[in-house]
Amino acid sequence: MPDWTIRRLAPGDEAGFTAMLDLFAEAFEDPVAYSSRRPGPAWREQLLASPDFVALVAEQGGAVVGALAAYLLRKFEQERCEAYIYDLAVSAAARRQGIAMGLIEALKPVARAAGAYVIFVQADREDDPAIALYTRLGRREDVLHFDIPV
């Protein structure tokens, strides 16, 4: 039995949201993206209230040790959606305990209830642990990703 629990963040959970951003900043070594211009209260509340956004945190000993941020993308060709894992991280001290897998498993019923038929995620080519995890869970597709400035 794991000594960690997973919960979905809801409106009003400023501490959980802040801890999730802190974890992503540390895990991805990107404090500029996750810490320099954090969303204000109105943005955060609207995001956490949205049925199309899912924020899950894994807590161990009262601390957030894992987090997952996902979007439910409504499709146009059929009445269904896809769940996209935008960010997933586990603190260095809590790795190898099944937390990442637990976060993905916790996303599945949320995605299913929203009408999703698949969960998809991207991984950087050099991120061997992420690639190994996602390979165990699903089918790999090699695609190119492009960022187009607005």
C-alpha atoms as a PDB file:
ATOM      1  CA  MET A   1       0.000   0.000   0.000  1.00  0.00           C
ATOM      2  CA  PRO A   2       1.552   3.330  -1.015  1.00  0.00           C
ATOM      3  CA  ASP A   3       2.154   5.989   1.602  1.00  0.00           C
ATOM      4  CA  TRP A   4       1.043   8.718  -0.801  1.00  0.00           C
ATOM      5  CA  THR A   5      -2.379   9.883  -1.917  1.00  0.00           C
ATOM      6  CA  ILE A   6      -3.638  11.589  -5.057  1.00  0.00           C
ATOM      7  CA  ARG A   7      -6.251  14.300  -5.257  1.00  0.00           C
ATOM      8  CA  ARG A   8      -7.638  16.651  -7.878  1.00  0.00           C
ATOM      9  CA  LEU A   9      -7.144  20.339  -7.265  1.00  0.00           C
ATOM     10  CA  ALA A  10     -10.322  22.401  -7.073  1.00  0.00           C
ATOM     11  CA  PRO A  11     -11.085  26.112  -6.930  1.00  0.00           C
ATOM     12  CA  GLY A  12      -9.773  27.649  -3.722  1.00  0.00           C
ATOM     13  CA  ASP A  13      -6.728  25.386  -3.499  1.00  0.00           C
ATOM     14  CA  GLU A  14      -4.055  28.046  -3.809  1.00  0.00           C
ATOM     15  CA  ALA A  15      -1.564  26.030  -1.734  1.00  0.00           C
ATOM     16  CA  GLY A  16      -1.916  22.935  -3.921  1.00  0.00           C
ATOM     17  CA  PHE A  17      -1.656  24.966  -7.118  1.00  0.00           C
ATOM     18  CA  THR A  18       1.450  26.771  -5.849  1.00  0.00           C
ATOM     19  CA  ALA A  19       3.042  23.490  -4.765  1.00  0.00           C
ATOM     20  CA  MET A  20       2.322  21.998  -8.211  1.00  0.00           C
ATOM     21  CA  LEU A  21       4.046  24.941  -9.926  1.00  0.00           C
ATOM     22  CA  ASP A  22       6.989  24.733  -7.502  1.00  0.00           C
ATOM     23  CA  LEU A  23       7.390  21.030  -8.279  1.00  0.00           C
ATOM     24  CA  PHE A  24       7.287  21.597 -12.053  1.00  0.00           C
ATOM     25  CA  ALA A  25       9.820  24.454 -11.774  1.00  0.00           C
ATOM     26  CA  GLU A  26      12.227  22.206  -9.876  1.00  0.00           C
ATOM     27  CA  ALA A  27      11.685  18.982 -11.818  1.00  0.00           C
ATOM     28  CA  PHE A  28      11.954  20.634 -15.237  1.00  0.00           C
ATOM     29  CA  GLU A  29      14.701  23.038 -14.080  1.00  0.00           C
ATOM     30  CA  ASP A  30      12.642  25.900 -15.476  1.00  0.00           C
ATOM     31  CA  PRO A  31      11.857  28.476 -12.777  1.00  0.00           C
ATOM     32  CA  VAL A  32      11.257  31.190 -15.378  1.00  0.00           C
ATOM     33  CA  ALA A  33       8.308  29.351 -16.938  1.00  0.00           C
ATOM     34  CA  TYR A  34       6.774  28.134 -13.680  1.00  0.00           C
ATOM     35  CA  SER A  35       7.626  30.868 -11.184  1.00  0.00           C
ATOM     36  CA  SER A  36       8.253  34.243 -12.819  1.00  0.00           C
ATOM     37  CA  ARG A  37       4.699  35.183 -13.884  1.00  0.00           C
ATOM     38  CA  ARG A  38       2.312  32.947 -12.002  1.00  0.00           C
ATOM     39  CA  PRO A  39      -1.412  33.261 -12.693  1.00  0.00           C
ATOM     40  CA  GLY A  40      -3.382  35.613 -10.487  1.00  0.00           C
ATOM     41  CA  PRO A  41      -6.256  34.418  -8.310  1.00  0.00           C
ATOM     42  CA  ALA A  42      -8.988  34.991 -10.930  1.00  0.00           C
ATOM     43  CA  TRP A  43      -7.104  33.074 -13.649  1.00  0.00           C
ATOM     44  CA  ARG A  44      -6.242  30.225 -11.256  1.00  0.00           C
ATOM     45  CA  GLU A  45      -9.824  29.931 -10.015  1.00  0.00           C
ATOM     46  CA  GLN A  46     -11.244  29.938 -13.543  1.00  0.00           C
ATOM     47  CA  LEU A  47      -8.704  27.304 -14.635  1.00  0.00           C
ATOM     48  CA  LEU A  48      -9.358  25.013 -11.659  1.00  0.00           C
ATOM     49  CA  ALA A  49     -13.131  25.361 -12.163  1.00  0.00           C
ATOM     50  CA  SER A  50     -12.916  24.457 -15.846  1.00  0.00           C
ATOM     51  CA  PRO A  51     -14.127  20.950 -16.733  1.00  0.00           C
ATOM     52  CA  ASP A  52     -11.499  20.933 -19.492  1.00  0.00           C
ATOM     53  CA  PHE A  53      -8.511  21.225 -17.130  1.00  0.00           C
ATOM     54  CA  VAL A  54      -7.332  18.556 -14.703  1.00  0.00           C
ATOM     55  CA  ALA A  55      -4.694  19.193 -12.033  1.00  0.00           C
ATOM     56  CA  LEU A  56      -3.754  16.199  -9.895  1.00  0.00           C
ATOM     57  CA  VAL A  57      -1.258  16.164  -7.046  1.00  0.00           C
ATOM     58  CA  ALA A  58       0.326  13.285  -5.185  1.00  0.00           C
ATOM     59  CA  GLU A  59       0.947  14.032  -1.530  1.00  0.00           C
ATOM     60  CA  GLN A  60       3.260  12.232   0.851  1.00  0.00           C
ATOM     61  CA  GLY A  61       3.759  13.310   4.432  1.00  0.00           C
ATOM     62  CA  GLY A  62       1.799  16.504   3.809  1.00  0.00           C
ATOM     63  CA  ALA A  63       3.962  17.592   0.863  1.00  0.00           C
ATOM     64  CA  VAL A  64       3.238  17.561  -2.871  1.00  0.00           C
ATOM     65  CA  VAL A  65       5.685  15.055  -4.359  1.00  0.00           C
ATOM     66  CA  GLY A  66       4.057  14.538  -7.764  1.00  0.00           C
ATOM     67  CA  ALA A  67       1.785  16.463 -10.083  1.00  0.00           C
ATOM     68  CA  LEU A  68      -0.017  16.122 -13.385  1.00  0.00           C
ATOM     69  CA  ALA A  69      -1.644  18.856 -15.465  1.00  0.00           C
ATOM     70  CA  ALA A  70      -3.896  17.739 -18.321  1.00  0.00           C
ATOM     71  CA  TYR A  71      -6.342  19.236 -20.765  1.00  0.00           C
ATOM     72  CA  LEU A  72      -9.483  17.609 -22.104  1.00  0.00           C
ATOM     73  CA  LEU A  73      -9.654  18.544 -25.773  1.00  0.00           C
ATOM     74  CA  ARG A  74     -13.074  18.353 -27.390  1.00  0.00           C
ATOM     75  CA  LYS A  75     -12.972  16.865 -30.865  1.00  0.00           C
ATOM     76  CA  PHE A  76     -14.888  18.185 -33.830  1.00  0.00           C
ATOM     77  CA  GLU A  77     -15.221  15.038 -35.948  1.00  0.00           C
ATOM     78  CA  GLN A  78     -17.051  13.050 -33.258  1.00  0.00           C
ATOM     79  CA  GLU A  79     -18.655  13.707 -29.881  1.00  0.00           C
ATOM     80  CA  ARG A  80     -15.636  12.688 -27.868  1.00  0.00           C
ATOM     81  CA  CYS A  81     -12.473  14.165 -26.486  1.00  0.00           C
ATOM     82  CA  GLU A  82      -8.821  13.395 -25.931  1.00  0.00           C
ATOM     83  CA  ALA A  83      -6.945  13.918 -22.687  1.00  0.00           C
ATOM     84  CA  TYR A  84      -3.560  15.563 -23.147  1.00  0.00           C
ATOM     85  CA  ILE A  85      -1.022  15.304 -20.338  1.00  0.00           C
ATOM     86  CA  TYR A  86       0.696  18.664 -20.546  1.00  0.00           C
ATOM     87  CA  ASP A  87       3.025  18.230 -17.557  1.00  0.00           C
ATOM     88  CA  LEU A  88       3.827  15.302 -15.280  1.00  0.00           C
ATOM     89  CA  ALA A  89       6.592  15.302 -12.682  1.00  0.00           C
ATOM     90  CA  VAL A  90       7.636  13.571  -9.483  1.00  0.00           C
ATOM     91  CA  SER A  91      10.141  15.064  -7.050  1.00  0.00           C
ATOM     92  CA  ALA A  92      13.571  13.454  -7.157  1.00  0.00           C
ATOM     93  CA  ALA A  93      13.236  12.120  -3.595  1.00  0.00           C
ATOM     94  CA  ALA A  94       9.905  10.389  -4.345  1.00  0.00           C
ATOM     95  CA  ARG A  95      10.727   8.684  -7.638  1.00  0.00           C
ATOM     96  CA  ARG A  96      10.521   4.930  -8.207  1.00  0.00           C
ATOM     97  CA  GLN A  97       7.467   4.583  -5.928  1.00  0.00           C
ATOM     98  CA  GLY A  98       4.806   4.349  -8.653  1.00  0.00           C
ATOM     99  CA  ILE A  99       3.635   7.936  -8.231  1.00  0.00           C
ATOM    100  CA  ALA A 100       3.790   8.848 -11.940  1.00  0.00           C
ATOM    101  CA  MET A 101       1.831   5.707 -12.809  1.00  0.00           C
ATOM    102  CA  GLY A 102      -0.622   6.509 -10.006  1.00  0.00           C
ATOM    103  CA  LEU A 103      -1.209   9.998 -11.385  1.00  0.00           C
ATOM    104  CA  ILE A 104      -1.918   8.610 -14.854  1.00  0.00           C
ATOM    105  CA  GLU A 105      -4.244   5.967 -13.409  1.00  0.00           C
ATOM    106  CA  ALA A 106      -6.078   8.708 -11.486  1.00  0.00           C
ATOM    107  CA  LEU A 107      -6.519  10.670 -14.716  1.00  0.00           C
ATOM    108  CA  LYS A 108      -8.166   7.739 -16.515  1.00  0.00           C
ATOM    109  CA  PRO A 109     -11.585   7.839 -14.786  1.00  0.00           C
ATOM    110  CA  VAL A 110     -11.716  11.630 -15.086  1.00  0.00           C
ATOM    111  CA  ALA A 111     -10.957  11.383 -18.801  1.00  0.00           C
ATOM    112  CA  ARG A 112     -13.421   8.525 -19.282  1.00  0.00           C
ATOM    113  CA  ALA A 113     -16.188  10.476 -17.523  1.00  0.00           C
ATOM    114  CA  ALA A 114     -15.536  13.420 -19.873  1.00  0.00           C
ATOM    115  CA  GLY A 115     -15.941  11.185 -22.916  1.00  0.00           C
ATOM    116  CA  ALA A 116     -12.258  10.774 -23.737  1.00  0.00           C
ATOM    117  CA  TYR A 117     -11.212   7.808 -25.814  1.00  0.00           C
ATOM    118  CA  VAL A 118      -7.449   8.266 -25.358  1.00  0.00           C
ATOM    119  CA  ILE A 119      -4.829   9.986 -23.228  1.00  0.00           C
ATOM    120  CA  PHE A 120      -1.808  11.298 -25.089  1.00  0.00           C
ATOM    121  CA  VAL A 121       1.473  12.780 -23.963  1.00  0.00           C
ATOM    122  CA  GLN A 122       4.701  14.036 -25.491  1.00  0.00           C
ATOM    123  CA  ALA A 123       8.207  13.200 -24.277  1.00  0.00           C
ATOM    124  CA  ASP A 124      11.560  14.683 -25.163  1.00  0.00           C
ATOM    125  CA  ARG A 125      13.802  12.243 -27.033  1.00  0.00           C
ATOM    126  CA  GLU A 126      16.466  12.425 -24.306  1.00  0.00           C
ATOM    127  CA  ASP A 127      14.030  11.792 -21.418  1.00  0.00           C
ATOM    128  CA  ASP A 128      14.606   8.053 -21.072  1.00  0.00           C
ATOM    129  CA  PRO A 129      12.612   7.588 -17.823  1.00  0.00           C
ATOM    130  CA  ALA A 130       9.520   9.261 -19.325  1.00  0.00           C
ATOM    131  CA  ILE A 131       9.840   7.266 -22.543  1.00  0.00           C
ATOM    132  CA  ALA A 132      10.120   4.015 -20.569  1.00  0.00           C
ATOM    133  CA  LEU A 133       7.028   4.878 -18.503  1.00  0.00           C
ATOM    134  CA  TYR A 134       4.881   5.866 -21.478  1.00  0.00           C
ATOM    135  CA  THR A 135       6.047   2.865 -23.530  1.00  0.00           C
ATOM    136  CA  ARG A 136       4.712   0.554 -20.800  1.00  0.00           C
ATOM    137  CA  LEU A 137       1.331   2.285 -21.004  1.00  0.00           C
ATOM    138  CA  GLY A 138       0.604   2.768 -24.669  1.00  0.00           C
ATOM    139  CA  ARG A 139       1.559   2.861 -28.309  1.00  0.00           C
ATOM    140  CA  ARG A 140       4.406   5.105 -29.375  1.00  0.00           C
ATOM    141  CA  GLU A 141       4.098   7.461 -32.331  1.00  0.00           C
ATOM    142  CA  ASP A 142       7.074   9.361 -33.672  1.00  0.00           C
ATOM    143  CA  VAL A 143       5.880  12.816 -34.658  1.00  0.00           C
ATOM    144  CA  LEU A 144       7.375  16.238 -35.087  1.00  0.00           C
ATOM    145  CA  HIS A 145       6.307  19.088 -32.837  1.00  0.00           C
ATOM    146  CA  PHE A 146       6.366  22.689 -34.049  1.00  0.00           C
ATOM    147  CA  ASP A 147       5.980  25.889 -32.026  1.00  0.00           C
ATOM    148  CA  ILE A 148       4.479  28.647 -34.158  1.00  0.00           C
ATOM    149  CA  PRO A 149       4.830  32.143 -32.703  1.00  0.00           C
ATOM    150  CA  VAL A 150       1.707  34.242 -32.332  1.00  0.00           C
END
